[in-house]
C-alpha atoms as a PDB file:
ATOM      1  CA  MET A   1      16.308 -23.537  41.168  1.00  0.00           C
ATOM      2  CA  SER A   2      14.533 -21.471  43.746  1.00  0.00           C
ATOM      3  CA  ARG A   3      14.335 -18.297  41.912  1.00  0.00           C
ATOM      4  CA  SER A   4      14.025 -19.457  38.180  1.00  0.00           C
ATOM      5  CA  HIS A   5      11.214 -17.630  36.692  1.00  0.00           C
ATOM      6  CA  ARG A   6      10.955 -14.873  34.171  1.00  0.00           C
ATOM      7  CA  LYS A   7      10.616 -11.409  35.172  1.00  0.00           C
ATOM      8  CA  HIS A   8       8.160 -10.153  32.099  1.00  0.00           C
ATOM      9  CA  SER A   9       5.397 -11.907  30.529  1.00  0.00           C
ATOM     10  CA  ILE A  10       6.146 -11.896  27.259  1.00  0.00           C
ATOM     11  CA  THR A  11       6.497 -14.933  24.840  1.00  0.00           C
ATOM     12  CA  GLY A  12       7.339 -15.881  21.689  1.00  0.00           C
ATOM     13  CA  HIS A  13       4.150 -16.781  18.734  1.00  0.00           C
ATOM     14  CA  THR A  14       5.720 -20.273  18.332  1.00  0.00           C
ATOM     15  CA  THR A  15       7.848 -22.779  19.788  1.00  0.00           C
ATOM     16  CA  SER A  16      11.126 -22.055  18.387  1.00  0.00           C
ATOM     17  CA  GLU A  17      13.943 -20.712  20.328  1.00  0.00           C
ATOM     18  CA  SER A  18      15.477 -18.308  18.764  1.00  0.00           C
ATOM     19  CA  ASP A  19      15.808 -16.564  15.324  1.00  0.00           C
ATOM     20  CA  LYS A  20      19.301 -16.275  15.090  1.00  0.00           C
ATOM     21  CA  TRP A  21      20.163 -18.635  12.488  1.00  0.00           C
ATOM     22  CA  TYR A  22      17.568 -16.643  10.535  1.00  0.00           C
ATOM     23  CA  LYS A  23      18.917 -13.184  11.331  1.00  0.00           C
ATOM     24  CA  ARG A  24      22.833 -14.374  10.691  1.00  0.00           C
ATOM     25  CA  PHE A  25      21.602 -15.510   6.939  1.00  0.00           C
ATOM     26  CA  PHE A  26      19.740 -12.473   5.992  1.00  0.00           C
ATOM     27  CA  HIS A  27      22.488 -10.071   7.144  1.00  0.00           C
ATOM     28  CA  ARG A  28      24.654 -11.788   5.834  1.00  0.00           C
ATOM     29  CA  LYS A  29      22.975 -11.527   2.163  1.00  0.00           C
ATOM     30  CA  GLU A  30      22.755  -7.831   2.822  1.00  0.00           C
ATOM     31  CA  ARG A  31      26.694  -6.920   3.604  1.00  0.00           C
ATOM     32  CA  ALA A  32      27.180  -9.671   0.286  1.00  0.00           C
ATOM     33  CA  ARG A  33      24.739  -7.340  -1.602  1.00  0.00           C
ATOM     34  CA  VAL A  34      26.455  -3.746  -0.189  1.00  0.00           C
ATOM     35  CA  ARG A  35      30.006  -5.475  -0.873  1.00  0.00           C
ATOM     36  CA  ASN A  36      29.069  -6.181  -4.165  1.00  0.00           C
ATOM     37  CA  LEU A  37      27.861  -2.673  -5.186  1.00  0.00           C
ATOM     38  CA  LEU A  38      30.642  -1.043  -3.368  1.00  0.00           C
ATOM     39  CA  SER A  39      33.330  -3.232  -5.391  1.00  0.00           C
ATOM     40  CA  HIS A  40      31.522  -2.119  -8.733  1.00  0.00           C
ATOM     41  CA  CYS A  41      31.020   1.347  -7.693  1.00  0.00           C
ATOM     42  CA  GLN A  42      27.592   1.358  -8.140  1.00  0.00           C
ATOM     43  CA  TYR A  43      26.607   4.122  -5.574  1.00  0.00           C
ATOM     44  CA  GLU A  44      23.465   5.545  -6.948  1.00  0.00           C
ATOM     45  CA  GLU A  45      21.846   1.758  -6.235  1.00  0.00           C
ATOM     46  CA  LEU A  46      22.914   1.667  -2.629  1.00  0.00           C
ATOM     47  CA  GLU A  47      19.701   1.947  -0.509  1.00  0.00           C
ATOM     48  CA  PHE A  48      19.578   0.200   2.663  1.00  0.00           C
ATOM     49  CA  GLU A  49      16.750  -1.717   3.708  1.00  0.00           C
ATOM     50  CA  LEU A  50      15.455  -4.353   6.114  1.00  0.00           C
ATOM     51  CA  PRO A  51      17.045  -7.807   4.924  1.00  0.00           C
ATOM     52  CA  TYR A  52      14.483  -9.665   6.229  1.00  0.00           C
ATOM     53  CA  ASP A  53      10.649  -9.595   7.209  1.00  0.00           C
ATOM     54  CA  ASP A  54      10.141 -10.509  11.586  1.00  0.00           C
ATOM     55  CA  TRP A  55       6.600 -11.975  10.140  1.00  0.00           C
ATOM     56  CA  SER A  56       8.086 -14.494   7.987  1.00  0.00           C
ATOM     57  CA  ALA A  57      10.682 -15.663  10.569  1.00  0.00           C
ATOM     58  CA  PRO A  58      10.697 -18.616  12.993  1.00  0.00           C
ATOM     59  CA  LYS A  59       9.639 -17.317  15.950  1.00  0.00           C
ATOM     60  CA  ASP A  60       7.203 -15.410  14.504  1.00  0.00           C
ATOM     61  CA  GLY A  61       7.308 -11.729  16.448  1.00  0.00           C
ATOM     62  CA  LYS A  62       6.354 -11.416  20.233  1.00  0.00           C
ATOM     63  CA  LYS A  63       3.337 -10.921  22.542  1.00  0.00           C
ATOM     64  CA  TYR A  64       2.399 -10.263  26.221  1.00  0.00           C
ATOM     65  CA  PHE A  65       0.461 -12.700  28.175  1.00  0.00           C
ATOM     66  CA  ASP A  66      -1.382 -12.413  31.191  1.00  0.00           C
ATOM     67  CA  ARG A  67       0.341 -13.657  34.034  1.00  0.00           C
ATOM     68  CA  GLU A  68      -2.526 -15.320  36.223  1.00  0.00           C
ATOM     69  CA  GLU A  69      -4.312 -16.796  33.129  1.00  0.00           C
ATOM     70  CA  PHE A  70      -1.077 -18.996  31.922  1.00  0.00           C
ATOM     71  CA  PRO A  71       1.356 -18.979  35.401  1.00  0.00           C
ATOM     72  CA  GLU A  72       3.089 -22.229  33.845  1.00  0.00           C
ATOM     73  CA  LEU A  73       4.548 -19.801  31.031  1.00  0.00           C
ATOM     74  CA  MET A  74       6.352 -17.320  33.637  1.00  0.00           C
ATOM     75  CA  ARG A  75       8.573 -20.496  34.409  1.00  0.00           C
ATOM     76  CA  LYS A  76      11.750 -20.774  32.771  1.00  0.00           C
END
Protein backbone atom coordinates (compact mmCIF):
# COMPACT_ATOMS: atom_id res chain seq x y z
CA MET A 1 0.00 0.00 0.00
CA SER A 2 1.64 3.19 -1.12
CA ARG A 3 -0.16 5.44 1.37
CA SER A 4 -0.03 3.26 4.44
CA HIS A 5 1.40 5.68 6.98
CA ARG A 6 0.26 7.39 10.16
CA LYS A 7 -1.25 10.83 9.96
CA HIS A 8 -0.35 11.82 13.53
CA SER A 9 2.81 11.11 15.46
CA ILE A 10 1.24 9.60 18.56
CA THR A 11 1.64 6.08 19.92
CA GLY A 12 1.02 4.01 23.05
CA HIS A 13 3.63 3.65 25.79
CA THR A 14 3.73 -0.14 25.48
CA THR A 15 3.39 -2.74 22.74
CA SER A 16 -0.20 -3.61 23.65
CA GLU A 17 -2.56 -3.23 20.70
CA SER A 18 -5.63 -2.05 22.55
CA ASP A 19 -7.32 -1.34 25.89
CA LYS A 20 -10.67 -2.63 24.66
CA TRP A 21 -10.94 -5.70 26.91
CA TYR A 22 -9.79 -3.67 29.92
CA LYS A 23 -12.32 -0.89 29.38
CA ARG A 24 -15.17 -3.36 28.72
CA PHE A 25 -14.40 -5.25 31.92
CA PHE A 26 -14.38 -2.20 34.17
CA HIS A 27 -17.37 -0.47 32.56
CA ARG A 28 -19.34 -3.70 32.94
CA LYS A 29 -18.31 -3.80 36.59
CA GLU A 30 -19.44 -0.19 37.15
CA ARG A 31 -22.79 -0.75 35.41
CA ALA A 32 -23.43 -3.80 37.59
CA ARG A 33 -22.65 -1.77 40.73
CA VAL A 34 -25.03 1.03 39.69
CA ARG A 35 -27.75 -1.43 38.69
CA ASN A 36 -27.46 -3.14 42.07
CA LEU A 37 -27.75 0.16 43.97
CA LEU A 38 -30.78 1.22 41.92
CA SER A 39 -32.55 -2.08 42.48
CA HIS A 40 -32.15 -1.72 46.26
CA CYS A 41 -33.24 1.97 46.22
CA GLN A 42 -29.94 3.18 47.68
CA TYR A 43 -29.89 6.49 45.83
CA GLU A 44 -27.75 8.32 48.39
CA GLU A 45 -24.84 5.92 47.75
CA LEU A 46 -25.12 6.38 44.01
CA GLU A 47 -21.97 8.17 42.86
CA PHE A 48 -20.59 7.89 39.37
CA GLU A 49 -16.87 7.45 39.35
CA LEU A 50 -14.29 6.52 36.78
CA PRO A 51 -14.23 2.71 36.95
CA TYR A 52 -10.63 2.35 35.80
CA ASP A 53 -7.30 4.09 35.90
CA ASP A 54 -5.62 4.83 32.56
CA TRP A 55 -2.17 4.29 34.02
CA SER A 56 -2.92 0.74 35.14
CA ALA A 57 -4.36 -0.18 31.73
CA PRO A 58 -2.36 -2.41 29.37
CA LYS A 59 -1.60 0.43 26.96
CA ASP A 60 -0.61 2.81 29.78
CA GLY A 61 -1.53 6.03 28.00
CA LYS A 62 -0.25 7.66 24.81
CA LYS A 63 2.55 10.05 23.88
CA TYR A 64 3.78 12.12 20.96
CA PHE A 65 7.09 11.26 19.31
CA ASP A 66 9.49 13.02 16.97
CA ARG A 67 8.82 12.08 13.32
CA GLU A 68 12.40 12.70 12.20
CA GLU A 69 13.95 10.70 15.03
CA PHE A 70 11.64 7.66 14.65
CA PRO A 71 10.45 7.44 11.01
CA GLU A 72 9.76 3.69 11.36
CA LEU A 73 6.94 4.46 13.83
CA MET A 74 5.12 6.43 11.13
CA ARG A 75 4.50 3.19 9.20
CA LYS A 76 1.34 1.20 9.87
